[in-house]
Structures are given as C-alpha cells and as structure tokens.
C-alpha atoms as a PDB file:
ATOM      1  CA  MET A   1      77.312  -5.740 106.043  1.00  0.00           C
ATOM      2  CA  ALA A   2      76.958  -4.399 102.516  1.00  0.00           C
ATOM      3  CA  GLU A   3      73.858  -2.313 101.953  1.00  0.00           C
ATOM      4  CA  ASN A   4      71.173  -3.888  99.805  1.00  0.00           C
ATOM      5  CA  THR A   5      67.888  -2.136  99.124  1.00  0.00           C
ATOM      6  CA  GLU A   6      66.090  -5.147  97.659  1.00  0.00           C
ATOM      7  CA  LEU A   7      62.868  -6.094  99.454  1.00  0.00           C
ATOM      8  CA  GLU A   8      61.267  -9.492  99.799  1.00  0.00           C
ATOM      9  CA  LEU A   9      57.703 -10.338 100.782  1.00  0.00           C
ATOM     10  CA  LEU A  10      56.894 -13.271 103.040  1.00  0.00           C
ATOM     11  CA  ILE A  11      53.253 -14.311 103.220  1.00  0.00           C
ATOM     12  CA  THR A  12      52.449 -16.832 105.960  1.00  0.00           C
ATOM     13  CA  VAL A  13      49.027 -18.495 105.972  1.00  0.00           C
ATOM     14  CA  VAL A  14      47.609 -20.466 108.908  1.00  0.00           C
ATOM     15  CA  VAL A  15      45.494 -23.238 107.387  1.00  0.00           C
ATOM     16  CA  ALA A  16      43.124 -25.787 108.901  1.00  0.00           C
ATOM     17  CA  ALA A  17      44.183 -29.033 107.203  1.00  0.00           C
ATOM     18  CA  ASP A  18      44.586 -32.757 107.840  1.00  0.00           C
ATOM     19  CA  ASP A  19      48.331 -32.776 107.204  1.00  0.00           C
ATOM     20  CA  GLU A  20      51.235 -30.747 105.828  1.00  0.00           C
ATOM     21  CA  SER A  21      50.692 -31.913 102.258  1.00  0.00           C
ATOM     22  CA  SER A  22      47.040 -30.824 102.365  1.00  0.00           C
ATOM     23  CA  ALA A  23      48.015 -27.429 103.808  1.00  0.00           C
ATOM     24  CA  ARG A  24      50.529 -26.817 101.037  1.00  0.00           C
ATOM     25  CA  ALA A  25      48.052 -27.970  98.382  1.00  0.00           C
ATOM     26  CA  ALA A  26      45.441 -25.553  99.744  1.00  0.00           C
ATOM     27  CA  CYS A  27      47.873 -22.679  99.123  1.00  0.00           C
ATOM     28  CA  HIS A  28      48.721 -23.526  95.509  1.00  0.00           C
ATOM     29  CA  GLY A  29      46.022 -21.216  94.140  1.00  0.00           C
ATOM     30  CA  LEU A  30      47.370 -18.282  96.146  1.00  0.00           C
ATOM     31  CA  VAL A  31      50.941 -19.144  95.087  1.00  0.00           C
ATOM     32  CA  ARG A  32      49.967 -19.028  91.419  1.00  0.00           C
ATOM     33  CA  ARG A  33      47.923 -15.854  91.894  1.00  0.00           C
ATOM     34  CA  ILE A  34      50.765 -13.850  93.454  1.00  0.00           C
ATOM     35  CA  GLY A  35      53.652 -15.464  91.549  1.00  0.00           C
ATOM     36  CA  GLY A  36      55.509 -16.713  94.630  1.00  0.00           C
ATOM     37  CA  ARG A  37      56.903 -19.963  95.947  1.00  0.00           C
ATOM     38  CA  ILE A  38      56.323 -22.000  99.089  1.00  0.00           C
ATOM     39  CA  VAL A  39      59.491 -21.896 101.190  1.00  0.00           C
ATOM     40  CA  ALA A  40      58.398 -23.404 104.517  1.00  0.00           C
ATOM     41  CA  SER A  41      55.552 -25.153 106.268  1.00  0.00           C
ATOM     42  CA  GLY A  42      55.083 -26.179 109.863  1.00  0.00           C
ATOM     43  CA  ASP A  43      52.715 -27.814 112.321  1.00  0.00           C
ATOM     44  CA  CYS A  44      50.839 -25.358 114.589  1.00  0.00           C
ATOM     45  CA  SER A  45      48.594 -28.007 116.125  1.00  0.00           C
ATOM     46  CA  ASP A  46      50.150 -27.809 119.598  1.00  0.00           C
ATOM     47  CA  GLU A  47      48.536 -24.375 119.941  1.00  0.00           C
ATOM     48  CA  GLU A  48      45.578 -24.722 117.551  1.00  0.00           C
ATOM     49  CA  PRO A  49      44.648 -28.340 116.755  1.00  0.00           C
ATOM     50  CA  GLY A  50      44.531 -29.163 113.063  1.00  0.00           C
ATOM     51  CA  CYS A  51      46.391 -26.012 111.975  1.00  0.00           C
ATOM     52  CA  TRP A  52      49.438 -25.692 109.730  1.00  0.00           C
ATOM     53  CA  SER A  53      51.454 -22.659 108.700  1.00  0.00           C
ATOM     54  CA  VAL A  54      52.603 -22.237 105.103  1.00  0.00           C
ATOM     55  CA  THR A  55      55.082 -19.489 104.177  1.00  0.00           C
ATOM     56  CA  ILE A  56      55.298 -18.113 100.635  1.00  0.00           C
ATOM     57  CA  SER A  57      58.112 -15.912  99.333  1.00  0.00           C
ATOM     58  CA  ARG A  58      57.769 -13.302  96.612  1.00  0.00           C
ATOM     59  CA  ALA A  59      60.053 -10.514  95.419  1.00  0.00           C
ATOM     60  CA  SER A  60      58.778  -6.951  95.792  1.00  0.00           C
ATOM     61  CA  ALA A  61      58.962  -4.193  93.186  1.00  0.00           C
ATOM     62  CA  GLU A  62      59.656  -1.727  96.009  1.00  0.00           C
ATOM     63  CA  THR A  63      63.186  -0.933  97.168  1.00  0.00           C
ATOM     64  CA  GLY A  64      64.728   0.779 100.163  1.00  0.00           C
ATOM     65  CA  GLN A  65      65.311   0.017 103.823  1.00  0.00           C
ATOM     66  CA  HIS A  66      63.371   3.017 105.079  1.00  0.00           C
ATOM     67  CA  VAL A  67      59.897   2.979 106.638  1.00  0.00           C
ATOM     68  CA  ALA A  68      58.102   4.306 103.550  1.00  0.00           C
ATOM     69  CA  GLY A  69      59.448   1.647 101.177  1.00  0.00           C
ATOM     70  CA  LEU A  70      58.848  -1.249 103.560  1.00  0.00           C
ATOM     71  CA  SER A  71      55.321  -0.136 104.441  1.00  0.00           C
ATOM     72  CA  ARG A  72      54.471   0.556 100.815  1.00  0.00           C
ATOM     73  CA  ALA A  73      55.549  -2.961  99.814  1.00  0.00           C
ATOM     74  CA  VAL A  74      53.064  -4.466 102.282  1.00  0.00           C
ATOM     75  CA  ARG A  75      50.259  -2.029 101.394  1.00  0.00           C
ATOM     76  CA  ASN A  76      50.668  -2.589  97.655  1.00  0.00           C
ATOM     77  CA  PHE A  77      50.467  -6.336  98.161  1.00  0.00           C
ATOM     78  CA  LEU A  78      47.295  -5.960 100.228  1.00  0.00           C
ATOM     79  CA  ARG A  79      45.776  -3.845  97.441  1.00  0.00           C
ATOM     80  CA  GLU A  80      46.514  -6.682  95.014  1.00  0.00           C
ATOM     81  CA  LEU A  81      44.432  -8.988  97.175  1.00  0.00           C
ATOM     82  CA  GLY A  82      41.471  -6.601  97.267  1.00  0.00           C
ATOM     83  CA  PRO A  83      39.967  -3.588  99.043  1.00  0.00           C
ATOM     84  CA  ASP A  84      38.980  -5.563 102.163  1.00  0.00           C
ATOM     85  CA  TYR A  85      42.639  -6.470 102.736  1.00  0.00           C
ATOM     86  CA  ALA A  86      43.940  -2.971 102.036  1.00  0.00           C
ATOM     87  CA  ARG A  87      42.083  -1.635 105.100  1.00  0.00           C
ATOM     88  CA  HIS A  88      44.386  -3.475 107.514  1.00  0.00           C
ATOM     89  CA  ARG A  89      46.929  -1.475 109.503  1.00  0.00           C
ATOM     90  CA  VAL A  90      50.596  -1.872 108.569  1.00  0.00           C
ATOM     91  CA  SER A  91      53.299  -1.682 111.255  1.00  0.00           C
ATOM     92  CA  CYS A  92      56.931  -0.963 110.437  1.00  0.00           C
ATOM     93  CA  GLU A  93      60.242  -1.161 112.234  1.00  0.00           C
ATOM     94  CA  PRO A  94      63.160  -1.493 109.757  1.00  0.00           C
ATOM     95  CA  PRO A  95      64.312  -3.946 108.518  1.00  0.00           C
ATOM     96  CA  THR A  96      60.709  -5.207 108.393  1.00  0.00           C
ATOM     97  CA  ALA A  97      57.106  -4.075 107.945  1.00  0.00           C
ATOM     98  CA  TRP A  98      54.137  -6.329 108.568  1.00  0.00           C
ATOM     99  CA  THR A  99      50.399  -6.736 108.957  1.00  0.00           C
ATOM    100  CA  VAL A 100      48.164  -9.521 110.250  1.00  0.00           C
ATOM    101  CA  VAL A 101      44.772 -10.335 108.722  1.00  0.00           C
ATOM    102  CA  GLU A 102      42.763 -12.030 111.490  1.00  0.00           C
ATOM    103  CA  HIS A 103      39.550 -12.699 109.527  1.00  0.00           C
ATOM    104  CA  PRO A 104      38.913 -16.383 108.703  1.00  0.00           C
ATOM    105  CA  GLU A 105      36.125 -15.583 106.229  1.00  0.00           C
ATOM    106  CA  LEU A 106      38.350 -13.147 104.339  1.00  0.00           C
ATOM    107  CA  VAL A 107      41.424 -15.387 104.370  1.00  0.00           C
ATOM    108  CA  GLY A 108      39.248 -18.371 103.485  1.00  0.00           C
ATOM    109  CA  ASP A 109      38.411 -16.651 100.198  1.00  0.00           C
ATOM    110  CA  LEU A 110      42.131 -16.838  99.313  1.00  0.00           C
ATOM    111  CA  VAL A 111      42.967 -20.273 100.705  1.00  0.00           C
ATOM    112  CA  ASP A 112      40.578 -23.126 101.411  1.00  0.00           C
ATOM    113  CA  GLY A 113      40.664 -23.533 105.192  1.00  0.00           C
ATOM    114  CA  GLY A 114      42.720 -20.355 105.656  1.00  0.00           C
ATOM    115  CA  GLU A 115      42.345 -18.703 109.055  1.00  0.00           C
ATOM    116  CA  ARG A 116      45.012 -15.993 109.372  1.00  0.00           C
ATOM    117  CA  LEU A 117      47.449 -14.211 107.112  1.00  0.00           C
ATOM    118  CA  LEU A 118      50.760 -12.578 108.047  1.00  0.00           C
ATOM    119  CA  VAL A 119      52.342 -10.355 105.374  1.00  0.00           C
ATOM    120  CA  GLU A 120      55.937  -9.182 105.933  1.00  0.00           C
ATOM    121  CA  ALA A 121      58.343  -7.099 103.861  1.00  0.00           C
ATOM    122  CA  TRP A 122      62.032  -7.548 104.710  1.00  0.00           C
ATOM    123  CA  SER A 123      65.003  -5.530 103.508  1.00  0.00           C
ATOM    124  CA  GLY A 124      68.520  -6.815 103.082  1.00  0.00           C
ATOM    125  CA  GLY A 125      68.535  -8.747  99.827  1.00  0.00           C
ATOM    126  CA  SER A 126      68.448 -12.512  99.499  1.00  0.00           C
ATOM    127  CA  ILE A 127      67.193 -13.500 102.937  1.00  0.00           C
ATOM    128  CA  LEU A 128      66.154 -16.968 101.855  1.00  0.00           C
ATOM    129  CA  PHE A 129      68.546 -19.704 100.815  1.00  0.00           C
ATOM    130  CA  GLY A 130      68.332 -20.729  97.196  1.00  0.00           C
ATOM    131  CA  ARG A 131      66.434 -17.705  95.938  1.00  0.00           C
ATOM    132  CA  SER A 132      68.509 -17.286  92.798  1.00  0.00           C
ATOM    133  CA  ASP A 133      66.532 -19.839  90.769  1.00  0.00           C
ATOM    134  CA  PRO A 134      62.770 -19.155  90.545  1.00  0.00           C
ATOM    135  CA  GLY A 135      62.075 -22.801  89.731  1.00  0.00           C
ATOM    136  CA  ASP A 136      58.625 -24.235  90.313  1.00  0.00           C
ATOM    137  CA  PRO A 137      56.613 -21.713  92.362  1.00  0.00           C
ATOM    138  CA  ASP A 138      54.759 -24.557  94.072  1.00  0.00           C
ATOM    139  CA  GLU A 139      57.906 -26.144  95.464  1.00  0.00           C
ATOM    140  CA  PRO A 140      60.618 -25.031  97.907  1.00  0.00           C
ATOM    141  CA  PRO A 141      63.988 -24.033  96.408  1.00  0.00           C
ATOM    142  CA  ALA A 142      66.082 -26.956  95.238  1.00  0.00           C
ATOM    143  CA  GLU A 143      69.274 -25.239  96.413  1.00  0.00           C
ATOM    144  CA  VAL A 144      68.391 -25.446 100.101  1.00  0.00           C
ATOM    145  CA  PRO A 145      71.125 -27.609 101.662  1.00  0.00           C
ATOM    146  CA  GLU A 146      70.189 -31.126 102.625  1.00  0.00           C
ATOM    147  CA  SER A 147      69.903 -31.919 106.301  1.00  0.00           C
ATOM    148  CA  ILE A 148      73.218 -31.843 108.140  1.00  0.00           C
ATOM    149  CA  GLY A 149      74.061 -34.778 110.372  1.00  0.00           C
ATOM    150  CA  ASP A 150      74.448 -34.280 114.101  1.00  0.00           C
ATOM    151  CA  LEU A 151      77.995 -35.695 113.938  1.00  0.00           C
ATOM    152  CA  ASP A 152      80.901 -34.629 111.761  1.00  0.00           C
ATOM    153  CA  GLU A 153      83.138 -37.001 109.786  1.00  0.00           C
ATOM    154  CA  ARG A 154      85.161 -37.715 112.941  1.00  0.00           C
ATOM    155  CA  GLY A 155      82.087 -38.606 114.963  1.00  0.00           C
ATOM    156  CA  ASN A 156      82.125 -35.386 116.998  1.00  0.00           C
ATOM    157  CA  PRO A 157      78.895 -33.443 117.668  1.00  0.00           C
ATOM    158  CA  ARG A 158      78.472 -30.442 115.370  1.00  0.00           C
ATOM    159  CA  PRO A 159      77.639 -26.978 116.747  1.00  0.00           C
ATOM    160  CA  ARG A 160      73.925 -26.160 116.884  1.00  0.00           C
ATOM    161  CA  LEU A 161      72.131 -23.056 115.683  1.00  0.00           C
ATOM    162  CA  ARG A 162      69.645 -21.502 118.110  1.00  0.00           C
ATOM    163  CA  LEU A 163      67.114 -18.735 117.573  1.00  0.00           C
ATOM    164  CA  LEU A 164      65.154 -16.480 119.931  1.00  0.00           C
ATOM    165  CA  VAL A 165      62.301 -14.395 118.528  1.00  0.00           C
ATOM    166  CA  ASP A 166      60.387 -11.877 120.656  1.00  0.00           C
ATOM    167  CA  VAL A 167      56.947 -11.056 119.258  1.00  0.00           C
ATOM    168  CA  VAL A 168      54.511  -8.405 120.477  1.00  0.00           C
ATOM    169  CA  THR A 169      51.229 -10.311 120.589  1.00  0.00           C
ATOM    170  CA  GLU A 170      48.388 -11.239 122.926  1.00  0.00           C
ATOM    171  CA  ARG A 171      48.501 -14.965 122.181  1.00  0.00           C
ATOM    172  CA  ARG A 172      51.136 -17.643 122.002  1.00  0.00           C
ATOM    173  CA  ALA A 173      49.867 -18.731 118.582  1.00  0.00           C
ATOM    174  CA  GLY A 174      50.384 -15.176 117.393  1.00  0.00           C
ATOM    175  CA  ALA A 175      54.095 -15.531 118.219  1.00  0.00           C
ATOM    176  CA  GLU A 176      54.701 -18.987 116.805  1.00  0.00           C
ATOM    177  CA  TRP A 177      54.039 -18.375 113.152  1.00  0.00           C
ATOM    178  CA  PRO A 178      56.144 -15.186 112.756  1.00  0.00           C
ATOM    179  CA  ALA A 179      58.911 -16.978 114.677  1.00  0.00           C
ATOM    180  CA  ARG A 180      58.691 -19.923 112.282  1.00  0.00           C
ATOM    181  CA  ALA A 181      58.760 -17.492 109.350  1.00  0.00           C
ATOM    182  CA  VAL A 182      62.065 -16.076 110.634  1.00  0.00           C
ATOM    183  CA  ALA A 183      63.416 -19.599 111.244  1.00  0.00           C
ATOM    184  CA  SER A 184      62.532 -20.632 107.676  1.00  0.00           C
ATOM    185  CA  ARG A 185      65.208 -18.241 106.395  1.00  0.00           C
ATOM    186  CA  LEU A 186      67.877 -20.223 108.205  1.00  0.00           C
ATOM    187  CA  SER A 187      66.844 -23.865 108.378  1.00  0.00           C
ATOM    188  CA  ARG A 188      64.361 -26.391 107.054  1.00  0.00           C
ATOM    189  CA  THR A 189      64.261 -28.021 110.495  1.00  0.00           C
ATOM    190  CA  ALA A 190      63.121 -25.886 113.412  1.00  0.00           C
ATOM    191  CA  THR A 191      61.983 -27.201 116.776  1.00  0.00           C
ATOM    192  CA  ILE A 192      60.371 -24.928 119.338  1.00  0.00           C
ATOM    193  CA  THR A 193      62.079 -25.648 122.657  1.00  0.00           C
ATOM    194  CA  GLU A 194      60.449 -23.080 124.945  1.00  0.00           C
ATOM    195  CA  TYR A 195      57.911 -20.284 125.211  1.00  0.00           C
ATOM    196  CA  SER A 196      58.039 -17.484 127.753  1.00  0.00           C
ATOM    197  CA  VAL A 197      55.403 -14.793 128.199  1.00  0.00           C
ATOM    198  CA  ASP A 198      56.083 -11.326 129.562  1.00  0.00           C
ATOM    199  CA  PRO A 199      53.262  -9.109 128.252  1.00  0.00           C
ATOM    200  CA  PRO A 200      53.191  -7.652 125.686  1.00  0.00           C
ATOM    201  CA  LEU A 201      55.944 -10.023 124.484  1.00  0.00           C
ATOM    202  CA  VAL A 202      55.975 -13.729 123.800  1.00  0.00           C
ATOM    203  CA  ARG A 203      59.461 -15.173 123.363  1.00  0.00           C
ATOM    204  CA  VAL A 204      59.875 -18.260 121.185  1.00  0.00           C
ATOM    205  CA  ALA A 205      63.098 -20.265 121.563  1.00  0.00           C
ATOM    206  CA  MET A 206      63.983 -22.592 118.692  1.00  0.00           C
ATOM    207  CA  ASP A 207      66.630 -25.194 117.906  1.00  0.00           C
ATOM    208  CA  LEU A 208      67.476 -24.990 114.196  1.00  0.00           C
ATOM    209  CA  GLY A 209      69.655 -28.074 114.191  1.00  0.00           C
ATOM    210  CA  PRO A 210      73.367 -28.730 113.538  1.00  0.00           C
ATOM    211  CA  ALA A 211      75.395 -26.287 111.451  1.00  0.00           C
ATOM    212  CA  LEU A 212      78.664 -26.302 109.513  1.00  0.00           C
ATOM    213  CA  GLY A 213      81.629 -24.112 110.449  1.00  0.00           C
ATOM    214  CA  ASP A 214      83.046 -22.571 113.577  1.00  0.00           C
ATOM    215  CA  LEU A 215      80.790 -20.645 115.964  1.00  0.00           C
ATOM    216  CA  PRO A 216      81.421 -17.085 114.674  1.00  0.00           C
ATOM    217  CA  GLU A 217      81.164 -18.241 111.048  1.00  0.00           C
ATOM    218  CA  ILE A 218      77.781 -19.892 111.698  1.00  0.00           C
ATOM    219  CA  VAL A 219      76.293 -16.786 113.325  1.00  0.00           C
ATOM    220  CA  LEU A 220      77.660 -14.390 110.706  1.00  0.00           C
ATOM    221  CA  GLY A 221      76.197 -16.602 108.000  1.00  0.00           C
ATOM    222  CA  ALA A 222      72.797 -16.533 109.712  1.00  0.00           C
ATOM    223  CA  VAL A 223      72.908 -12.732 110.069  1.00  0.00           C
ATOM    224  CA  SER A 224      73.795 -12.409 106.389  1.00  0.00           C
ATOM    225  CA  ALA A 225      70.885 -14.703 105.439  1.00  0.00           C
ATOM    226  CA  LEU A 226      68.419 -12.706 107.532  1.00  0.00           C
ATOM    227  CA  GLY A 227      69.701  -9.416 106.151  1.00  0.00           C
ATOM    228  CA  GLY A 228      68.890  -5.919 107.327  1.00  0.00           C
ATOM    229  CA  ASN A 229      70.747  -3.388 109.443  1.00  0.00           C
ATOM    230  CA  GLY A 230      70.982  -2.802 113.171  1.00  0.00           C
ATOM    231  CA  TRP A 231      72.581  -6.081 114.239  1.00  0.00           C
ATOM    232  CA  SER A 232      74.801  -6.022 117.301  1.00  0.00           C
ATOM    233  CA  ARG A 233      78.483  -6.812 117.278  1.00  0.00           C
ATOM    234  CA  LEU A 234      79.222 -10.509 117.380  1.00  0.00           C
ATOM    235  CA  ARG A 235      79.724 -11.720 120.956  1.00  0.00           C
ATOM    236  CA  VAL A 236      81.964 -14.784 121.237  1.00  0.00           C
ATOM    237  CA  ASP A 237      83.077 -16.867 124.180  1.00  0.00           C
ATOM    238  CA  GLU A 238      84.532 -20.350 124.449  1.00  0.00           C
ATOM    239  CA  HIS A 239      81.293 -22.236 123.789  1.00  0.00           C
ATOM    240  CA  CYS A 240      78.922 -19.731 122.159  1.00  0.00           C
ATOM    241  CA  ALA A 241      78.685 -16.972 119.550  1.00  0.00           C
ATOM    242  CA  THR A 242      75.693 -14.601 119.510  1.00  0.00           C
ATOM    243  CA  ALA A 243      74.323 -11.656 117.546  1.00  0.00           C
ATOM    244  CA  ARG A 244      71.040  -9.820 118.071  1.00  0.00           C
ATOM    245  CA  TRP A 245      68.693  -7.357 116.440  1.00  0.00           C
ATOM    246  CA  SER A 246      66.027  -5.423 118.341  1.00  0.00           C
ATOM    247  CA  ALA A 247      63.486  -2.785 117.437  1.00  0.00           C
ATOM    248  CA  ALA A 248      63.665   0.583 119.166  1.00  0.00           C
ATOM    249  CA  PRO A 249      61.117   1.530 120.270  1.00  0.00           C
ATOM    250  CA  THR A 250      59.236  -1.737 120.695  1.00  0.00           C
ATOM    251  CA  PRO A 251      56.610  -1.912 117.910  1.00  0.00           C
ATOM    252  CA  PRO A 252      52.885  -2.160 118.736  1.00  0.00           C
ATOM    253  CA  SER A 253      52.765  -5.631 117.159  1.00  0.00           C
ATOM    254  CA  GLY A 254      54.998  -8.097 115.349  1.00  0.00           C
ATOM    255  CA  VAL A 255      58.659  -9.066 115.739  1.00  0.00           C
ATOM    256  CA  ALA A 256      60.458  -6.968 118.361  1.00  0.00           C
ATOM    257  CA  ALA A 257      63.788  -8.781 118.669  1.00  0.00           C
ATOM    258  CA  ILE A 258      65.772 -11.600 117.097  1.00  0.00           C
ATOM    259  CA  GLU A 259      68.795 -13.347 118.576  1.00  0.00           C
ATOM    260  CA  VAL A 260      70.904 -15.921 116.750  1.00  0.00           C
ATOM    261  CA  SER A 261      73.357 -18.153 118.603  1.00  0.00           C
ATOM    262  CA  ALA A 262      75.702 -20.978 117.687  1.00  0.00           C
ATOM    263  CA  ILE A 263      76.674 -23.213 120.585  1.00  0.00           C
ATOM    264  CA  ASP A 264      78.917 -26.192 121.118  1.00  0.00           C
ATOM    265  CA  ALA A 265      76.648 -29.221 121.138  1.00  0.00           C
ATOM    266  CA  GLU A 266      77.926 -30.348 124.527  1.00  0.00           C
ATOM    267  CA  ALA A 267      77.690 -26.897 126.145  1.00  0.00           C
ATOM    268  CA  GLY A 268      74.715 -25.622 128.126  1.00  0.00           C
ATOM    269  CA  GLU A 269      72.094 -23.212 126.836  1.00  0.00           C
ATOM    270  CA  PRO A 270      73.478 -19.730 126.030  1.00  0.00           C
ATOM    271  CA  SER A 271      72.267 -16.846 128.148  1.00  0.00           C
ATOM    272  CA  SER A 272      70.169 -14.395 126.160  1.00  0.00           C
ATOM    273  CA  THR A 273      71.384 -10.854 125.603  1.00  0.00           C
ATOM    274  CA  VAL A 274      67.829  -9.667 124.918  1.00  0.00           C
ATOM    275  CA  ASP A 275      65.909  -8.572 128.027  1.00  0.00           C
ATOM    276  CA  ALA A 276      62.194  -8.944 128.658  1.00  0.00           C
ATOM    277  CA  THR A 277      61.371  -5.699 126.833  1.00  0.00           C
ATOM    278  CA  GLY A 278      63.135  -6.770 123.654  1.00  0.00           C
ATOM    279  CA  ARG A 279      66.191  -4.545 124.314  1.00  0.00           C
ATOM    280  CA  GLY A 280      69.764  -5.723 124.097  1.00  0.00           C
END
C-alpha cells in the first residue's frame, strides 16, 4: 500500500432523537461550525432507546502516521470545541487516535439532544468514498455508489462484505458506534449480526451487504478505503478472502482490531483470524 500521510477526522455523535432525519438535523449546527460533512447515520435504539449515531467527516491540517501527529489532530480539534473538551484523554494506536466525551451536558451544548461524542483521527488518505468533492457539508457525498443488488445480471448471488470490529469498552453501546463509524467507510448499509463480549473487548460483527468483484478484489478495495498500515497479508480460500489489522499492544480503549472478509453468498460464515485478545 502506498504511504499517505494525510489525516482525516471522524466525529461521531450519539443523539437522542425521534428519527434519523431529526438526528441529522440536530447536528447541522456542529457540521457548519467545524466545516465538515455528515457521512453516515445509524439507529442505536436496540442498545439505548431513542438514540441515533451521526458521523461527520472533516479533513485535518495535521499530517503523519505517527503517534504524535494522530494525537495532535484529535487534541487540536478538542481545543477548537473549548477548554472543557480539551481536558479529555486521547488514546493512540496507529493508524488511529481517538477520545470519547461521555458528558451529556457538555455534548448537549454542541448538539441538541447530544449524549456522547467520539473523535477519531485516521491516517491513510481518502478513507471515505466520494471525498474528492466537498459538496454540501450537510449532506453525504454524492459519489457514494448506489446500493448494489443481491443478484448479478445472471441472477447469481453476489459475494458479501463482512466486518468484525473489536473495541475495548465496558459497554456494548460503547462498541457499536465506533464499529458503525468504521463500517461507514465501506458501505452505506451495515447490519449488526452478532455481539460477543470477552472483557475488556466487545466484538461487533456486521454484514455490509453485496459487493462487486471477486473475493480478493473486494477485500483489497476495502483495505484501501480504510487506509493505514499494519494490515495482514490477504488470506484466500475457495469461498472467502480475509485481511485484518490489530493493535499491539491492545489499547486501553477504542478500536483494537478490524477484520474485513468477502464471502461467497452461499458459503457459511468465515472463521475469524482475530482471537479474543484482538491478536491475529
């Protein structure tokens, strides 16, 4: 993978709202304030009734894939929001740095109904589809491909893209929204299929829908979209292709491992290459 030192900020807000449209509307003020764009939104009500997650993307002036650059990108953004935000601890494990603001009163000052805020800096260049055109900052990128049908032109089932995200957190809700933030880089449709808890990790398994191409091509495309270094070699068998990234050592909080798989639609579930500690 070619090296790219460009950083991108992802800001995910958990919002108490009646529906997805209301959640996105509640974030418009924050979007305009920081000069970003909404790239994903999802329903969190299965874990916290009446909650929605809204993810905003913004380019960072910082560069570099090292710890200092990633951490500085998050800290500088927190300083933009105000001194009360800048006090929050930033964790870093390249290719990402992150912090979580778990203060509803503080987040509510930014977004009406806001409850939690996740700020991430990611290295690896354009990790979101359609980022080349800034467009309307209140709308998702127009270049995101339309939904792909389950069947190809011959009526055969297309391969499906699967995602595993291991998150160091004490609560299942604390794993869902960073997992959805990762999924938003790859697909506009993401369905959580399973949770598994092995403290301090919560693993979120997601089906990202049908994908175009052969199995290795699909996984390599997903790895390129996510960006960053440290991905494993592509593992391919007859019905599945898989690549993984894992943090070493396991961070004190946040994303510890990511695994992307493409499987034949009629094949069984792929076996994970990431163990319960987030190691490959």
